[in-house]
């Protein structure tokens, strides 16, 4: 994963971009695995799949 301004680029194991996640400068990346990216936005935590689709949210 790479943060590029207001975009997170998500890569596969071969280094190819497989997804993008739009974020603001105030959002915080809490972590990631091979298939999940976790981002804090204000008082909510968002779980994305590797392609940038929301899998779920929860309050902080």
PDB file of N, CA and C in Angstrom:
ATOM      1  N   UNK A   1       0.840  -1.166   0.000  1.00  0.00           N
ATOM      2  CA  UNK A   1       0.000   0.000   0.000  1.00  0.00           C
ATOM      3  C   UNK A   1       0.894   1.242   0.000  1.00  0.00           C
ATOM      4  N   UNK A   2       0.409   2.277  -0.693  1.00  0.00           N
ATOM      5  CA  UNK A   2       1.155   3.534  -0.766  1.00  0.00           C
ATOM      6  C   UNK A   2       0.167   4.688  -0.700  1.00  0.00           C
ATOM      7  N   UNK A   3       0.473   5.662   0.147  1.00  0.00           N
ATOM      8  CA  UNK A   3      -0.354   6.873   0.222  1.00  0.00           C
ATOM      9  C   UNK A   3       0.224   7.896  -0.733  1.00  0.00           C
ATOM     10  N   UNK A   4      -0.659   8.415  -1.583  1.00  0.00           N
ATOM     11  CA  UNK A   4      -0.258   9.397  -2.583  1.00  0.00           C
ATOM     12  C   UNK A   4      -1.254  10.541  -2.514  1.00  0.00           C
ATOM     13  N   UNK A   5      -0.937  11.537  -1.680  1.00  0.00           N
ATOM     14  CA  UNK A   5      -1.865  12.644  -1.479  1.00  0.00           C
ATOM     15  C   UNK A   5      -3.130  12.160  -0.789  1.00  0.00           C
ATOM     16  N   UNK A   6      -4.264  12.280  -1.469  1.00  0.00           N
ATOM     17  CA  UNK A   6      -5.545  11.858  -0.911  1.00  0.00           C
ATOM     18  C   UNK A   6      -6.004  10.509  -1.449  1.00  0.00           C
ATOM     19  N   UNK A   7      -5.053   9.695  -1.895  1.00  0.00           N
ATOM     20  CA  UNK A   7      -5.373   8.379  -2.446  1.00  0.00           C
ATOM     21  C   UNK A   7      -4.450   7.339  -1.846  1.00  0.00           C
ATOM     22  N   UNK A   8      -5.032   6.193  -1.483  1.00  0.00           N
ATOM     23  CA  UNK A   8      -4.229   5.028  -1.110  1.00  0.00           C
ATOM     24  C   UNK A   8      -4.229   4.082  -2.302  1.00  0.00           C
ATOM     25  N   UNK A   9      -3.049   3.729  -2.787  1.00  0.00           N
ATOM     26  CA  UNK A   9      -2.927   2.723  -3.836  1.00  0.00           C
ATOM     27  C   UNK A   9      -2.698   1.383  -3.159  1.00  0.00           C
ATOM     28  N   UNK A  10      -3.464   0.374  -3.560  1.00  0.00           N
ATOM     29  CA  UNK A  10      -3.343  -0.964  -2.986  1.00  0.00           C
ATOM     30  C   UNK A  10      -2.739  -1.872  -4.056  1.00  0.00           C
ATOM     31  N   UNK A  11      -1.704  -2.618  -3.683  1.00  0.00           N
ATOM     32  CA  UNK A  11      -0.972  -3.466  -4.613  1.00  0.00           C
ATOM     33  C   UNK A  11      -1.198  -4.942  -4.310  1.00  0.00           C
ATOM     34  N   UNK A  12      -1.072  -5.778  -5.346  1.00  0.00           N
ATOM     35  CA  UNK A  12      -1.102  -7.221  -5.121  1.00  0.00           C
ATOM     36  C   UNK A  12       0.311  -7.695  -4.795  1.00  0.00           C
ATOM     37  N   UNK A  13       0.470  -8.993  -4.628  1.00  0.00           N
ATOM     38  CA  UNK A  13       1.772  -9.540  -4.233  1.00  0.00           C
ATOM     39  C   UNK A  13       2.834  -9.380  -5.312  1.00  0.00           C
ATOM     40  N   UNK A  14       2.439  -9.090  -6.544  1.00  0.00           N
ATOM     41  CA  UNK A  14       3.396  -8.881  -7.631  1.00  0.00           C
ATOM     42  C   UNK A  14       3.720  -7.409  -7.857  1.00  0.00           C
ATOM     43  N   UNK A  15       3.131  -6.533  -7.030  1.00  0.00           N
ATOM     44  CA  UNK A  15       3.420  -5.114  -7.139  1.00  0.00           C
ATOM     45  C   UNK A  15       2.528  -4.360  -8.098  1.00  0.00           C
ATOM     46  N   UNK A  16       1.448  -4.992  -8.575  1.00  0.00           N
ATOM     47  CA  UNK A  16       0.514  -4.322  -9.475  1.00  0.00           C
ATOM     48  C   UNK A  16      -0.590  -3.655  -8.659  1.00  0.00           C
ATOM     49  N   UNK A  17      -1.007  -2.468  -9.103  1.00  0.00           N
ATOM     50  CA  UNK A  17      -2.093  -1.769  -8.413  1.00  0.00           C
ATOM     51  C   UNK A  17      -3.395  -2.507  -8.688  1.00  0.00           C
ATOM     52  N   UNK A  18      -4.110  -2.849  -7.600  1.00  0.00           N
ATOM     53  CA  UNK A  18      -5.387  -3.549  -7.757  1.00  0.00           C
ATOM     54  C   UNK A  18      -6.563  -2.730  -7.231  1.00  0.00           C
ATOM     55  N   UNK A  19      -6.289  -1.622  -6.548  1.00  0.00           N
ATOM     56  CA  UNK A  19      -7.373  -0.804  -6.040  1.00  0.00           C
ATOM     57  C   UNK A  19      -6.887   0.533  -5.523  1.00  0.00           C
ATOM     58  N   UNK A  20      -7.849   1.437  -5.353  1.00  0.00           N
ATOM     59  CA  UNK A  20      -7.576   2.777  -4.831  1.00  0.00           C
ATOM     60  C   UNK A  20      -8.620   3.092  -3.770  1.00  0.00           C
ATOM     61  N   UNK A  21      -8.213   3.822  -2.751  1.00  0.00           N
ATOM     62  CA  UNK A  21      -9.129   4.277  -1.715  1.00  0.00           C
ATOM     63  C   UNK A  21      -8.919   5.778  -1.555  1.00  0.00           C
ATOM     64  N   UNK A  22      -9.992   6.549  -1.709  1.00  0.00           N
ATOM     65  CA  UNK A  22      -9.917   8.003  -1.521  1.00  0.00           C
ATOM     66  C   UNK A  22      -9.982   8.314  -0.031  1.00  0.00           C
ATOM     67  N   UNK A  23      -9.061   9.145   0.429  1.00  0.00           N
ATOM     68  CA  UNK A  23      -9.018   9.539   1.831  1.00  0.00           C
ATOM     69  C   UNK A  23      -8.741  11.038   1.914  1.00  0.00           C
ATOM     70  N   UNK A  24      -9.021  11.615   3.072  1.00  0.00           N
ATOM     71  CA  UNK A  24      -8.701  13.028   3.283  1.00  0.00           C
ATOM     72  C   UNK A  24      -7.385  13.130   4.051  1.00  0.00           C
ATOM     73  N   UNK A  25      -6.877  14.340   4.154  1.00  0.00           N
ATOM     74  CA  UNK A  25      -5.620  14.540   4.872  1.00  0.00           C
ATOM     75  C   UNK A  25      -5.774  14.278   6.366  1.00  0.00           C
ATOM     76  N   UNK A  26      -7.018  14.293   6.873  1.00  0.00           N
ATOM     77  CA  UNK A  26      -7.248  14.043   8.298  1.00  0.00           C
ATOM     78  C   UNK A  26      -7.479  12.563   8.607  1.00  0.00           C
ATOM     79  N   UNK A  27      -7.699  11.740   7.587  1.00  0.00           N
ATOM     80  CA  UNK A  27      -7.916  10.309   7.806  1.00  0.00           C
ATOM     81  C   UNK A  27      -6.601   9.646   8.197  1.00  0.00           C
ATOM     82  N   UNK A  28      -6.707   8.583   8.987  1.00  0.00           N
ATOM     83  CA  UNK A  28      -5.529   7.869   9.467  1.00  0.00           C
ATOM     84  C   UNK A  28      -5.628   6.398   9.075  1.00  0.00           C
ATOM     85  N   UNK A  29      -4.583   5.890   8.434  1.00  0.00           N
ATOM     86  CA  UNK A  29      -4.520   4.463   8.114  1.00  0.00           C
ATOM     87  C   UNK A  29      -4.104   3.739   9.384  1.00  0.00           C
ATOM     88  N   UNK A  30      -4.977   2.866   9.878  1.00  0.00           N
ATOM     89  CA  UNK A  30      -4.688   2.145  11.118  1.00  0.00           C
ATOM     90  C   UNK A  30      -3.934   0.848  10.868  1.00  0.00           C
ATOM     91  N   UNK A  31      -4.093   0.286   9.669  1.00  0.00           N
ATOM     92  CA  UNK A  31      -3.389  -0.947   9.360  1.00  0.00           C
ATOM     93  C   UNK A  31      -3.905  -1.578   8.084  1.00  0.00           C
ATOM     94  N   UNK A  32      -3.224  -2.634   7.656  1.00  0.00           N
ATOM     95  CA  UNK A  32      -3.651  -3.354   6.470  1.00  0.00           C
ATOM     96  C   UNK A  32      -3.098  -4.766   6.497  1.00  0.00           C
ATOM     97  N   UNK A  33      -3.781  -5.632   5.770  1.00  0.00           N
ATOM     98  CA  UNK A  33      -3.343  -7.008   5.555  1.00  0.00           C
ATOM     99  C   UNK A  33      -3.380  -7.244   4.052  1.00  0.00           C
ATOM    100  N   UNK A  34      -3.235  -8.489   3.639  1.00  0.00           N
ATOM    101  CA  UNK A  34      -3.262  -8.800   2.210  1.00  0.00           C
ATOM    102  C   UNK A  34      -4.619  -8.513   1.581  1.00  0.00           C
ATOM    103  N   UNK A  35      -5.696  -8.519   2.382  1.00  0.00           N
ATOM    104  CA  UNK A  35      -7.021  -8.320   1.798  1.00  0.00           C
ATOM    105  C   UNK A  35      -7.870  -7.257   2.482  1.00  0.00           C
ATOM    106  N   UNK A  36      -7.326  -6.498   3.424  1.00  0.00           N
ATOM    107  CA  UNK A  36      -8.103  -5.493   4.155  1.00  0.00           C
ATOM    108  C   UNK A  36      -7.258  -4.248   4.425  1.00  0.00           C
ATOM    109  N   UNK A  37      -7.896  -3.080   4.311  1.00  0.00           N
ATOM    110  CA  UNK A  37      -7.277  -1.811   4.697  1.00  0.00           C
ATOM    111  C   UNK A  37      -8.214  -1.173   5.714  1.00  0.00           C
ATOM    112  N   UNK A  38      -7.662  -0.691   6.830  1.00  0.00           N
ATOM    113  CA  UNK A  38      -8.463  -0.108   7.900  1.00  0.00           C
ATOM    114  C   UNK A  38      -8.105   1.371   8.036  1.00  0.00           C
ATOM    115  N   UNK A  39      -9.129   2.232   7.931  1.00  0.00           N
ATOM    116  CA  UNK A  39      -8.934   3.682   7.941  1.00  0.00           C
ATOM    117  C   UNK A  39      -9.850   4.302   8.994  1.00  0.00           C
ATOM    118  N   UNK A  40      -9.282   5.220   9.803  1.00  0.00           N
ATOM    119  CA  UNK A  40     -10.087   5.972  10.764  1.00  0.00           C
ATOM    120  C   UNK A  40     -10.461   7.296  10.134  1.00  0.00           C
ATOM    121  N   UNK A  41     -11.773   7.577  10.138  1.00  0.00           N
ATOM    122  CA  UNK A  41     -12.310   8.854   9.668  1.00  0.00           C
ATOM    123  C   UNK A  41     -13.119   9.450  10.794  1.00  0.00           C
ATOM    124  N   UNK A  42     -12.545  10.427  11.445  1.00  0.00           N
ATOM    125  CA  UNK A  42     -13.238  11.039  12.577  1.00  0.00           C
ATOM    126  C   UNK A  42     -13.456  10.014  13.674  1.00  0.00           C
ATOM    127  N   UNK A  43     -14.712   9.776  14.017  1.00  0.00           N
ATOM    128  CA  UNK A  43     -15.030   8.839  15.094  1.00  0.00           C
ATOM    129  C   UNK A  43     -15.513   7.487  14.574  1.00  0.00           C
ATOM    130  N   UNK A  44     -15.218   7.171  13.305  1.00  0.00           N
ATOM    131  CA  UNK A  44     -15.600   5.884  12.724  1.00  0.00           C
ATOM    132  C   UNK A  44     -14.385   5.205  12.111  1.00  0.00           C
ATOM    133  N   UNK A  45     -14.414   3.885  12.095  1.00  0.00           N
ATOM    134  CA  UNK A  45     -13.365   3.081  11.478  1.00  0.00           C
ATOM    135  C   UNK A  45     -13.987   2.359  10.289  1.00  0.00           C
ATOM    136  N   UNK A  46     -13.346   2.466   9.136  1.00  0.00           N
ATOM    137  CA  UNK A  46     -13.825   1.849   7.903  1.00  0.00           C
ATOM    138  C   UNK A  46     -12.907   0.699   7.519  1.00  0.00           C
ATOM    139  N   UNK A  47     -13.512  -0.416   7.136  1.00  0.00           N
ATOM    140  CA  UNK A  47     -12.773  -1.585   6.665  1.00  0.00           C
ATOM    141  C   UNK A  47     -13.022  -1.711   5.168  1.00  0.00           C
ATOM    142  N   UNK A  48     -11.950  -1.705   4.380  1.00  0.00           N
ATOM    143  CA  UNK A  48     -12.037  -1.820   2.928  1.00  0.00           C
ATOM    144  C   UNK A  48     -11.406  -3.137   2.492  1.00  0.00           C
ATOM    145  N   UNK A  49     -11.897  -3.680   1.372  1.00  0.00           N
ATOM    146  CA  UNK A  49     -11.196  -4.817   0.796  1.00  0.00           C
ATOM    147  C   UNK A  49     -10.040  -4.286  -0.045  1.00  0.00           C
ATOM    148  N   UNK A  50      -9.238  -5.171  -0.591  1.00  0.00           N
ATOM    149  CA  UNK A  50      -8.036  -4.758  -1.324  1.00  0.00           C
ATOM    150  C   UNK A  50      -8.367  -3.978  -2.594  1.00  0.00           C
ATOM    151  N   UNK A  51      -9.573  -4.085  -3.084  1.00  0.00           N
ATOM    152  CA  UNK A  51      -9.968  -3.360  -4.294  1.00  0.00           C
ATOM    153  C   UNK A  51     -10.578  -1.995  -3.995  1.00  0.00           C
ATOM    154  N   UNK A  52     -10.697  -1.653  -2.698  1.00  0.00           N
ATOM    155  CA  UNK A  52     -11.192  -0.339  -2.321  1.00  0.00           C
ATOM    156  C   UNK A  52     -12.670  -0.284  -2.011  1.00  0.00           C
ATOM    157  N   UNK A  53     -13.339  -1.436  -1.920  1.00  0.00           N
ATOM    158  CA  UNK A  53     -14.769  -1.467  -1.586  1.00  0.00           C
ATOM    159  C   UNK A  53     -14.943  -1.561  -0.079  1.00  0.00           C
ATOM    160  N   UNK A  54     -15.922  -0.842   0.473  1.00  0.00           N
ATOM    161  CA  UNK A  54     -16.173  -0.864   1.909  1.00  0.00           C
ATOM    162  C   UNK A  54     -16.738  -2.224   2.306  1.00  0.00           C
ATOM    163  N   UNK A  55     -16.091  -2.868   3.294  1.00  0.00           N
ATOM    164  CA  UNK A  55     -16.566  -4.125   3.831  1.00  0.00           C
ATOM    165  C   UNK A  55     -17.431  -3.895   5.070  1.00  0.00           C
ATOM    166  N   UNK A  56     -17.174  -2.777   5.784  1.00  0.00           N
ATOM    167  CA  UNK A  56     -17.946  -2.481   6.975  1.00  0.00           C
ATOM    168  C   UNK A  56     -17.404  -1.251   7.683  1.00  0.00           C
ATOM    169  N   UNK A  57     -18.186  -0.749   8.632  1.00  0.00           N
ATOM    170  CA  UNK A  57     -17.772   0.377   9.469  1.00  0.00           C
ATOM    171  C   UNK A  57     -18.163   0.086  10.904  1.00  0.00           C
ATOM    172  N   UNK A  58     -17.526   0.811  11.808  1.00  0.00           N
ATOM    173  CA  UNK A  58     -17.879   0.698  13.232  1.00  0.00           C
ATOM    174  C   UNK A  58     -17.474   1.991  13.923  1.00  0.00           C
ATOM    175  N   UNK A  59     -18.149   2.323  15.016  1.00  0.00           N
ATOM    176  CA  UNK A  59     -17.747   3.520  15.762  1.00  0.00           C
ATOM    177  C   UNK A  59     -16.400   3.276  16.447  1.00  0.00           C
ATOM    178  N   UNK A  60     -15.683   4.349  16.668  1.00  0.00           N
ATOM    179  CA  UNK A  60     -14.368   4.262  17.326  1.00  0.00           C
ATOM    180  C   UNK A  60     -14.517   4.110  18.811  1.00  0.00           C
TER     181      UNK A  60
END
